[in-house]
Amino acid sequence: MSTHAVSPDAASQVGAALRIDTAPARRTAHPRGAASRGRVAVAGELDIATSGLFRVGLAGLIRSQGPDIVIDASALTFCDARGVAAIVAAGDLAERQGGSVTLTRVRPQVAKVLRITGVHRRFVRPGAAWPRRG
C-alpha cells in the first residue's frame, strides 16, 4: 500500500475495498456562514486494510483544504475499529488546527458502530439526519 496525500482534484482507489473521492472537495459555506468546509466522499470498507491510507488522505485534505472537513459516508458500507480510529485521528488533527470533522449521510450499519463506540457524539452535528436504531 502506497502512502500519499489525496489530491483535491482526483479520486483515490485503495485496493478494491475503499474509495476516497475528493473531486467534490470544493469549499462550501458553513451553515452558520462563518467558515468554509472541504468535502470528501468515502465509499466501500474502512477497515484494517484501508484505514492507513484513509488517515493519510484525510490529513492531506486537512492540510490542503483547511481544518473543517465534511465526510459524506453514504457509500461507506463497513467500518471496523481501525476505521473508527482513523476518523478519530482526523478529528484530532482538525481540532488541533482549529477545525472539525463532520460525518454526513451515514448508513445504518456504520451508524451502529459509531453509536456503540460513542464516536457519533463527536462527529455528527446536532440536527443532522441520523439512522434510527435497529
C-alpha atoms as a PDB file:
ATOM      1  CA  MET A   1       0.000   0.000   0.000  1.00  0.00           C
ATOM      2  CA  SER A   2       1.479   3.322  -1.013  1.00  0.00           C
ATOM      3  CA  THR A   3       1.263   6.355   1.221  1.00  0.00           C
ATOM      4  CA  HIS A   4       0.255   9.610  -0.406  1.00  0.00           C
ATOM      5  CA  ALA A   5      -1.950  12.604   0.191  1.00  0.00           C
ATOM      6  CA  VAL A   6      -5.180  12.619  -1.741  1.00  0.00           C
ATOM      7  CA  SER A   7      -5.331  15.339  -4.354  1.00  0.00           C
ATOM      8  CA  PRO A   8      -8.357  17.633  -4.121  1.00  0.00           C
ATOM      9  CA  ASP A   9      -8.895  17.169  -7.860  1.00  0.00           C
ATOM     10  CA  ALA A  10      -8.811  13.385  -8.051  1.00  0.00           C
ATOM     11  CA  ALA A  11     -10.242  10.208  -6.636  1.00  0.00           C
ATOM     12  CA  SER A  12      -8.046   7.739  -4.802  1.00  0.00           C
ATOM     13  CA  GLN A  13      -8.609   3.998  -5.044  1.00  0.00           C
ATOM     14  CA  VAL A  14      -7.365   1.916  -2.118  1.00  0.00           C
ATOM     15  CA  GLY A  15      -7.333  -1.618  -3.445  1.00  0.00           C
ATOM     16  CA  ALA A  16     -10.882  -2.569  -4.358  1.00  0.00           C
ATOM     17  CA  ALA A  17     -12.207  -2.016  -0.855  1.00  0.00           C
ATOM     18  CA  LEU A  18     -12.226   1.746  -0.276  1.00  0.00           C
ATOM     19  CA  ARG A  19     -12.553   4.813  -2.464  1.00  0.00           C
ATOM     20  CA  ILE A  20     -11.873   8.345  -1.281  1.00  0.00           C
ATOM     21  CA  ASP A  21     -13.402  10.796  -3.708  1.00  0.00           C
ATOM     22  CA  THR A  22     -12.148  14.316  -3.250  1.00  0.00           C
ATOM     23  CA  ALA A  23     -13.459  15.550  -6.580  1.00  0.00           C
ATOM     24  CA  PRO A  24     -16.375  17.093  -4.662  1.00  0.00           C
ATOM     25  CA  ALA A  25     -13.850  18.572  -2.215  1.00  0.00           C
ATOM     26  CA  ARG A  26     -14.968  22.032  -3.086  1.00  0.00           C
ATOM     27  CA  ARG A  27     -15.087  24.706  -0.451  1.00  0.00           C
ATOM     28  CA  THR A  28     -18.631  25.303   0.668  1.00  0.00           C
ATOM     29  CA  ALA A  29     -20.165  27.818   3.008  1.00  0.00           C
ATOM     30  CA  HIS A  30     -20.627  26.542   6.522  1.00  0.00           C
ATOM     31  CA  PRO A  31     -24.307  26.518   7.571  1.00  0.00           C
ATOM     32  CA  ARG A  32     -23.638  29.322  10.056  1.00  0.00           C
ATOM     33  CA  GLY A  33     -21.845  31.297   7.357  1.00  0.00           C
ATOM     34  CA  ALA A  34     -18.566  31.863   9.209  1.00  0.00           C
ATOM     35  CA  ALA A  35     -16.222  29.206   7.880  1.00  0.00           C
ATOM     36  CA  SER A  36     -15.951  27.071   4.792  1.00  0.00           C
ATOM     37  CA  ARG A  37     -15.556  23.304   4.739  1.00  0.00           C
ATOM     38  CA  GLY A  38     -13.771  20.854   2.474  1.00  0.00           C
ATOM     39  CA  ARG A  39     -15.926  17.930   1.396  1.00  0.00           C
ATOM     40  CA  VAL A  40     -14.916  14.351   0.755  1.00  0.00           C
ATOM     41  CA  ALA A  41     -16.933  11.244  -0.094  1.00  0.00           C
ATOM     42  CA  VAL A  42     -15.819   7.830   1.118  1.00  0.00           C
ATOM     43  CA  ALA A  43     -17.072   4.557  -0.351  1.00  0.00           C
ATOM     44  CA  GLY A  44     -16.530   0.901   0.418  1.00  0.00           C
ATOM     45  CA  GLU A  45     -14.970  -0.614   3.513  1.00  0.00           C
ATOM     46  CA  LEU A  46     -12.968   1.313   6.099  1.00  0.00           C
ATOM     47  CA  ASP A  47     -11.032  -1.353   7.966  1.00  0.00           C
ATOM     48  CA  ILE A  48      -7.566  -2.592   8.905  1.00  0.00           C
ATOM     49  CA  ALA A  49      -6.612  -2.919   5.229  1.00  0.00           C
ATOM     50  CA  THR A  50      -7.693   0.588   4.208  1.00  0.00           C
ATOM     51  CA  SER A  51      -7.613   2.793   7.301  1.00  0.00           C
ATOM     52  CA  GLY A  52      -3.943   3.781   6.969  1.00  0.00           C
ATOM     53  CA  LEU A  53      -4.345   5.352   3.547  1.00  0.00           C
ATOM     54  CA  PHE A  54      -7.670   6.873   4.586  1.00  0.00           C
ATOM     55  CA  ARG A  55      -5.923   8.510   7.548  1.00  0.00           C
ATOM     56  CA  VAL A  56      -3.132   9.848   5.331  1.00  0.00           C
ATOM     57  CA  GLY A  57      -5.640  11.036   2.718  1.00  0.00           C
ATOM     58  CA  LEU A  58      -7.689  12.956   5.273  1.00  0.00           C
ATOM     59  CA  ALA A  59      -4.553  14.505   6.767  1.00  0.00           C
ATOM     60  CA  GLY A  60      -3.600  15.699   3.279  1.00  0.00           C
ATOM     61  CA  LEU A  61      -7.089  17.066   2.723  1.00  0.00           C
ATOM     62  CA  ILE A  62      -6.981  18.920   6.046  1.00  0.00           C
ATOM     63  CA  ARG A  63      -3.631  20.431   5.042  1.00  0.00           C
ATOM     64  CA  SER A  64      -4.800  21.454   1.565  1.00  0.00           C
ATOM     65  CA  GLN A  65      -8.461  22.389   2.217  1.00  0.00           C
ATOM     66  CA  GLY A  66      -8.270  23.585   5.804  1.00  0.00           C
ATOM     67  CA  PRO A  67      -9.246  22.004   9.108  1.00  0.00           C
ATOM     68  CA  ASP A  68     -13.027  21.922   8.562  1.00  0.00           C
ATOM     69  CA  ILE A  69     -13.945  18.737   6.695  1.00  0.00           C
ATOM     70  CA  VAL A  70     -17.295  17.127   5.900  1.00  0.00           C
ATOM     71  CA  ILE A  71     -17.199  13.395   5.124  1.00  0.00           C
ATOM     72  CA  ASP A  72     -20.098  12.055   3.056  1.00  0.00           C
ATOM     73  CA  ALA A  73     -20.373   8.470   4.308  1.00  0.00           C
ATOM     74  CA  SER A  74     -23.422   7.496   2.234  1.00  0.00           C
ATOM     75  CA  ALA A  75     -21.426   4.873   0.302  1.00  0.00           C
ATOM     76  CA  LEU A  76     -19.382   3.623   3.282  1.00  0.00           C
ATOM     77  CA  THR A  77     -20.576   0.033   3.705  1.00  0.00           C
ATOM     78  CA  PHE A  78     -18.365  -1.148   6.578  1.00  0.00           C
ATOM     79  CA  CYS A  79     -16.255   0.388   9.332  1.00  0.00           C
ATOM     80  CA  ASP A  80     -14.291  -1.531  11.975  1.00  0.00           C
ATOM     81  CA  ALA A  81     -12.246  -0.331  14.971  1.00  0.00           C
ATOM     82  CA  ARG A  82      -9.332   0.725  12.758  1.00  0.00           C
ATOM     83  CA  GLY A  83     -11.711   2.759  10.613  1.00  0.00           C
ATOM     84  CA  VAL A  84     -13.162   4.446  13.692  1.00  0.00           C
ATOM     85  CA  ALA A  85      -9.609   5.177  14.873  1.00  0.00           C
ATOM     86  CA  ALA A  86      -8.799   6.794  11.503  1.00  0.00           C
ATOM     87  CA  ILE A  87     -11.854   9.053  11.775  1.00  0.00           C
ATOM     88  CA  VAL A  88     -10.883   9.972  15.345  1.00  0.00           C
ATOM     89  CA  ALA A  89      -7.296  10.724  14.237  1.00  0.00           C
ATOM     90  CA  ALA A  90      -8.598  13.040  11.505  1.00  0.00           C
ATOM     91  CA  GLY A  91     -10.824  14.749  14.067  1.00  0.00           C
ATOM     92  CA  ASP A  92      -7.885  15.200  16.429  1.00  0.00           C
ATOM     93  CA  LEU A  93      -5.768  16.746  13.661  1.00  0.00           C
ATOM     94  CA  ALA A  94      -8.577  19.054  12.567  1.00  0.00           C
ATOM     95  CA  GLU A  95      -9.242  20.173  16.145  1.00  0.00           C
ATOM     96  CA  ARG A  96      -5.550  20.907  16.759  1.00  0.00           C
ATOM     97  CA  GLN A  97      -5.771  23.275  13.795  1.00  0.00           C
ATOM     98  CA  GLY A  98      -8.992  24.900  14.992  1.00  0.00           C
ATOM     99  CA  GLY A  99     -11.444  22.928  12.864  1.00  0.00           C
ATOM    100  CA  SER A 100     -13.604  19.837  12.965  1.00  0.00           C
ATOM    101  CA  VAL A 101     -14.618  16.741  11.041  1.00  0.00           C
ATOM    102  CA  THR A 102     -18.318  16.097  10.432  1.00  0.00           C
ATOM    103  CA  LEU A 103     -19.864  12.857   9.149  1.00  0.00           C
ATOM    104  CA  THR A 104     -22.974  13.075   6.989  1.00  0.00           C
ATOM    105  CA  ARG A 105     -25.345  10.585   5.347  1.00  0.00           C
ATOM    106  CA  VAL A 106     -24.147   7.673   7.497  1.00  0.00           C
ATOM    107  CA  ARG A 107     -25.651   4.270   6.669  1.00  0.00           C
ATOM    108  CA  PRO A 108     -27.400   2.336   9.458  1.00  0.00           C
ATOM    109  CA  GLN A 109     -24.768  -0.409   9.727  1.00  0.00           C
ATOM    110  CA  VAL A 110     -21.947   2.138  10.084  1.00  0.00           C
ATOM    111  CA  ALA A 111     -24.073   4.321  12.382  1.00  0.00           C
ATOM    112  CA  LYS A 112     -24.438   1.348  14.712  1.00  0.00           C
ATOM    113  CA  VAL A 113     -20.649   1.022  15.067  1.00  0.00           C
ATOM    114  CA  LEU A 114     -20.289   4.753  15.673  1.00  0.00           C
ATOM    115  CA  ARG A 115     -23.100   4.685  18.224  1.00  0.00           C
ATOM    116  CA  ILE A 116     -21.671   1.663  20.095  1.00  0.00           C
ATOM    117  CA  THR A 117     -18.276   3.357  20.361  1.00  0.00           C
ATOM    118  CA  GLY A 118     -19.783   6.739  21.260  1.00  0.00           C
ATOM    119  CA  VAL A 119     -17.987   8.400  18.353  1.00  0.00           C
ATOM    120  CA  HIS A 120     -21.271   9.638  16.865  1.00  0.00           C
ATOM    121  CA  ARG A 121     -21.467  12.284  19.617  1.00  0.00           C
ATOM    122  CA  ARG A 122     -18.274  13.863  18.347  1.00  0.00           C
ATOM    123  CA  PHE A 123     -18.703  13.693  14.579  1.00  0.00           C
ATOM    124  CA  VAL A 124     -22.423  14.094  13.941  1.00  0.00           C
ATOM    125  CA  ARG A 125     -23.736  17.600  14.464  1.00  0.00           C
ATOM    126  CA  PRO A 126     -26.996  18.316  16.319  1.00  0.00           C
ATOM    127  CA  GLY A 127     -29.952  18.345  13.966  1.00  0.00           C
ATOM    128  CA  ALA A 128     -28.222  16.158  11.365  1.00  0.00           C
ATOM    129  CA  ALA A 129     -30.177  13.242   9.945  1.00  0.00           C
ATOM    130  CA  TRP A 130     -29.136  10.050  11.696  1.00  0.00           C
ATOM    131  CA  PRO A 131     -30.309   6.483  11.051  1.00  0.00           C
ATOM    132  CA  ARG A 132     -32.742   5.050  13.566  1.00  0.00           C
ATOM    133  CA  ARG A 133     -31.545   2.406  15.966  1.00  0.00           C
ATOM    134  CA  GLY A 134     -32.174  -1.019  14.639  1.00  0.00           C
END
